[in-house]
N, C-alpha and C. Protein backbone atom coordinates (compact mmCIF):
# COMPACT_ATOMS: atom_id res chain seq x y z
N MET A 1 13.84 25.72 2.22
CA MET A 1 12.79 26.71 2.42
C MET A 1 11.81 26.17 3.46
N PRO A 2 11.52 26.91 4.53
CA PRO A 2 10.59 26.45 5.56
C PRO A 2 9.21 26.18 4.97
N GLY A 3 8.56 25.15 5.47
CA GLY A 3 7.22 24.83 5.01
C GLY A 3 7.18 24.03 3.73
N THR A 4 8.31 23.62 3.21
CA THR A 4 8.34 22.84 1.99
C THR A 4 9.02 21.50 2.26
N LEU A 5 8.35 20.44 1.90
CA LEU A 5 8.87 19.10 2.12
C LEU A 5 10.00 18.81 1.15
N ASN A 6 11.12 18.34 1.66
CA ASN A 6 12.24 17.94 0.82
C ASN A 6 12.00 16.51 0.36
N THR A 7 11.74 16.31 -0.93
CA THR A 7 11.50 14.97 -1.45
C THR A 7 12.70 14.44 -2.25
N GLN A 8 13.79 15.19 -2.23
CA GLN A 8 15.02 14.75 -2.90
C GLN A 8 15.79 13.81 -1.97
N PRO A 9 16.57 12.88 -2.52
CA PRO A 9 17.38 12.00 -1.66
C PRO A 9 18.20 12.84 -0.67
N ASN A 10 18.12 12.48 0.61
CA ASN A 10 18.75 13.30 1.64
C ASN A 10 19.38 12.47 2.76
N LEU A 11 19.41 11.16 2.61
CA LEU A 11 20.02 10.31 3.62
C LEU A 11 21.48 10.06 3.29
N ALA A 12 22.35 10.26 4.26
CA ALA A 12 23.78 10.04 4.04
C ALA A 12 24.06 8.56 3.77
N CYS A 13 23.36 7.68 4.46
CA CYS A 13 23.58 6.22 4.32
C CYS A 13 22.22 5.53 4.19
N PRO A 14 21.57 5.65 3.04
CA PRO A 14 20.22 5.09 2.91
C PRO A 14 20.15 3.58 3.11
N ASP A 15 21.16 2.85 2.67
CA ASP A 15 21.14 1.39 2.85
C ASP A 15 21.21 1.02 4.32
N GLU A 16 22.02 1.75 5.07
CA GLU A 16 22.12 1.50 6.52
C GLU A 16 20.79 1.79 7.20
N PHE A 17 20.16 2.90 6.82
CA PHE A 17 18.86 3.21 7.41
C PHE A 17 17.85 2.11 7.10
N TYR A 18 17.81 1.66 5.84
CA TYR A 18 16.88 0.62 5.44
C TYR A 18 17.12 -0.66 6.25
N GLU A 19 18.37 -1.03 6.42
CA GLU A 19 18.69 -2.23 7.21
C GLU A 19 18.21 -2.08 8.65
N ARG A 20 18.42 -0.90 9.23
CA ARG A 20 17.97 -0.67 10.61
C ARG A 20 16.45 -0.69 10.71
N LEU A 21 15.78 -0.16 9.68
CA LEU A 21 14.32 -0.17 9.66
C LEU A 21 13.80 -1.60 9.60
N ILE A 22 14.39 -2.43 8.76
CA ILE A 22 14.00 -3.83 8.67
C ILE A 22 14.29 -4.55 9.99
N GLU A 23 15.46 -4.27 10.56
CA GLU A 23 15.85 -4.89 11.84
C GLU A 23 14.88 -4.52 12.96
N MET A 24 14.36 -3.30 12.92
CA MET A 24 13.41 -2.86 13.94
C MET A 24 12.21 -3.79 13.99
N HIS A 25 11.85 -4.39 12.86
CA HIS A 25 10.67 -5.24 12.77
C HIS A 25 10.95 -6.72 13.02
N ARG A 26 12.21 -7.07 13.18
CA ARG A 26 12.56 -8.49 13.34
C ARG A 26 11.82 -9.10 14.54
N ASP A 27 11.22 -10.25 14.28
CA ASP A 27 10.50 -11.03 15.30
C ASP A 27 9.22 -10.34 15.81
N PHE A 28 8.75 -9.32 15.10
CA PHE A 28 7.50 -8.66 15.49
C PHE A 28 6.32 -9.34 14.80
N THR A 29 5.19 -9.33 15.49
CA THR A 29 3.94 -9.71 14.84
C THR A 29 3.51 -8.54 13.95
N GLN A 30 2.50 -8.76 13.13
CA GLN A 30 1.96 -7.69 12.28
C GLN A 30 1.52 -6.51 13.14
N THR A 31 0.85 -6.80 14.25
CA THR A 31 0.38 -5.74 15.14
C THR A 31 1.54 -4.96 15.75
N GLN A 32 2.58 -5.66 16.18
CA GLN A 32 3.76 -4.98 16.73
C GLN A 32 4.46 -4.14 15.68
N SER A 33 4.55 -4.63 14.45
CA SER A 33 5.16 -3.86 13.36
C SER A 33 4.38 -2.58 13.09
N GLU A 34 3.06 -2.71 13.06
CA GLU A 34 2.22 -1.53 12.84
C GLU A 34 2.38 -0.51 13.96
N ALA A 35 2.48 -0.99 15.20
CA ALA A 35 2.67 -0.10 16.34
C ALA A 35 4.04 0.58 16.28
N ALA A 36 5.07 -0.17 15.89
CA ALA A 36 6.41 0.41 15.76
C ALA A 36 6.44 1.46 14.66
N ASN A 37 5.79 1.18 13.53
CA ASN A 37 5.71 2.15 12.44
C ASN A 37 4.99 3.42 12.89
N ALA A 38 3.89 3.25 13.61
CA ALA A 38 3.14 4.41 14.10
C ALA A 38 4.00 5.24 15.06
N ALA A 39 4.72 4.56 15.95
CA ALA A 39 5.59 5.28 16.89
C ALA A 39 6.68 6.04 16.16
N LEU A 40 7.28 5.41 15.15
CA LEU A 40 8.32 6.06 14.37
C LEU A 40 7.77 7.29 13.63
N ILE A 41 6.60 7.14 13.03
CA ILE A 41 5.97 8.26 12.33
C ILE A 41 5.73 9.43 13.28
N LEU A 42 5.20 9.14 14.46
CA LEU A 42 4.92 10.21 15.41
C LEU A 42 6.20 10.87 15.93
N LEU A 43 7.24 10.08 16.17
CA LEU A 43 8.52 10.65 16.60
C LEU A 43 9.10 11.57 15.54
N LEU A 44 9.08 11.13 14.28
CA LEU A 44 9.62 11.95 13.20
C LEU A 44 8.75 13.18 12.95
N ALA A 45 7.43 13.03 13.04
CA ALA A 45 6.53 14.18 12.88
C ALA A 45 6.80 15.22 13.97
N ASN A 46 7.01 14.77 15.18
CA ASN A 46 7.33 15.69 16.27
C ASN A 46 8.65 16.39 16.00
N HIS A 47 9.62 15.67 15.48
CA HIS A 47 10.92 16.25 15.18
C HIS A 47 10.80 17.31 14.08
N ILE A 48 10.00 17.04 13.05
CA ILE A 48 9.79 17.99 11.97
C ILE A 48 9.06 19.22 12.50
N GLY A 49 7.93 18.98 13.15
CA GLY A 49 7.22 20.04 13.84
C GLY A 49 6.47 21.05 12.98
N ASP A 50 6.76 21.15 11.71
CA ASP A 50 6.14 22.15 10.83
C ASP A 50 4.86 21.57 10.24
N ALA A 51 3.71 22.17 10.59
CA ALA A 51 2.41 21.65 10.16
C ALA A 51 2.28 21.61 8.64
N GLY A 52 2.82 22.60 7.96
CA GLY A 52 2.74 22.63 6.50
C GLY A 52 3.51 21.49 5.87
N VAL A 53 4.70 21.24 6.37
CA VAL A 53 5.52 20.14 5.86
C VAL A 53 4.82 18.81 6.13
N LEU A 54 4.26 18.66 7.31
CA LEU A 54 3.58 17.41 7.66
C LEU A 54 2.33 17.21 6.80
N ARG A 55 1.57 18.27 6.54
CA ARG A 55 0.41 18.17 5.65
C ARG A 55 0.84 17.71 4.26
N GLU A 56 1.91 18.31 3.76
CA GLU A 56 2.42 17.94 2.44
C GLU A 56 2.84 16.47 2.41
N ALA A 57 3.53 16.02 3.45
CA ALA A 57 3.97 14.63 3.54
C ALA A 57 2.76 13.69 3.58
N LEU A 58 1.75 14.04 4.36
CA LEU A 58 0.54 13.21 4.43
C LEU A 58 -0.16 13.13 3.08
N ASP A 59 -0.25 14.25 2.39
CA ASP A 59 -0.89 14.27 1.08
C ASP A 59 -0.15 13.39 0.07
N ILE A 60 1.18 13.48 0.06
CA ILE A 60 1.99 12.68 -0.85
C ILE A 60 1.86 11.19 -0.49
N ALA A 61 1.94 10.87 0.79
CA ALA A 61 1.84 9.47 1.21
C ALA A 61 0.47 8.89 0.87
N ARG A 62 -0.58 9.70 1.03
CA ARG A 62 -1.93 9.22 0.70
C ARG A 62 -2.03 8.96 -0.80
N ALA A 63 -1.52 9.86 -1.61
CA ALA A 63 -1.57 9.68 -3.06
C ALA A 63 -0.77 8.43 -3.47
N ASP A 64 0.40 8.25 -2.87
CA ASP A 64 1.21 7.06 -3.16
C ASP A 64 0.48 5.79 -2.72
N GLY A 65 -0.22 5.85 -1.60
CA GLY A 65 -0.95 4.70 -1.10
C GLY A 65 -2.07 4.28 -2.04
N LYS A 66 -2.68 5.24 -2.71
CA LYS A 66 -3.75 4.93 -3.66
C LYS A 66 -3.20 4.20 -4.88
N LEU A 67 -1.91 4.39 -5.17
CA LEU A 67 -1.30 3.74 -6.33
C LEU A 67 -0.97 2.27 -6.06
N ALA A 68 -0.87 1.91 -4.78
CA ALA A 68 -0.46 0.55 -4.41
C ALA A 68 -1.55 -0.46 -4.67
């Protein structure tokens, strides 16, 4: 349904994605890792493109961040 964030497992190969995500950070400083994460977030947000879905994702991520 458009405008609704899919929070159900949806990755065909989640372990492979996780490995690639970790590899992306190899040999990075903390600052470089943060910049890479920000770039990835912006690329994926652009790909999604739906403001409602992005708002929902931001709200969920903020709530999860408060639990940490």
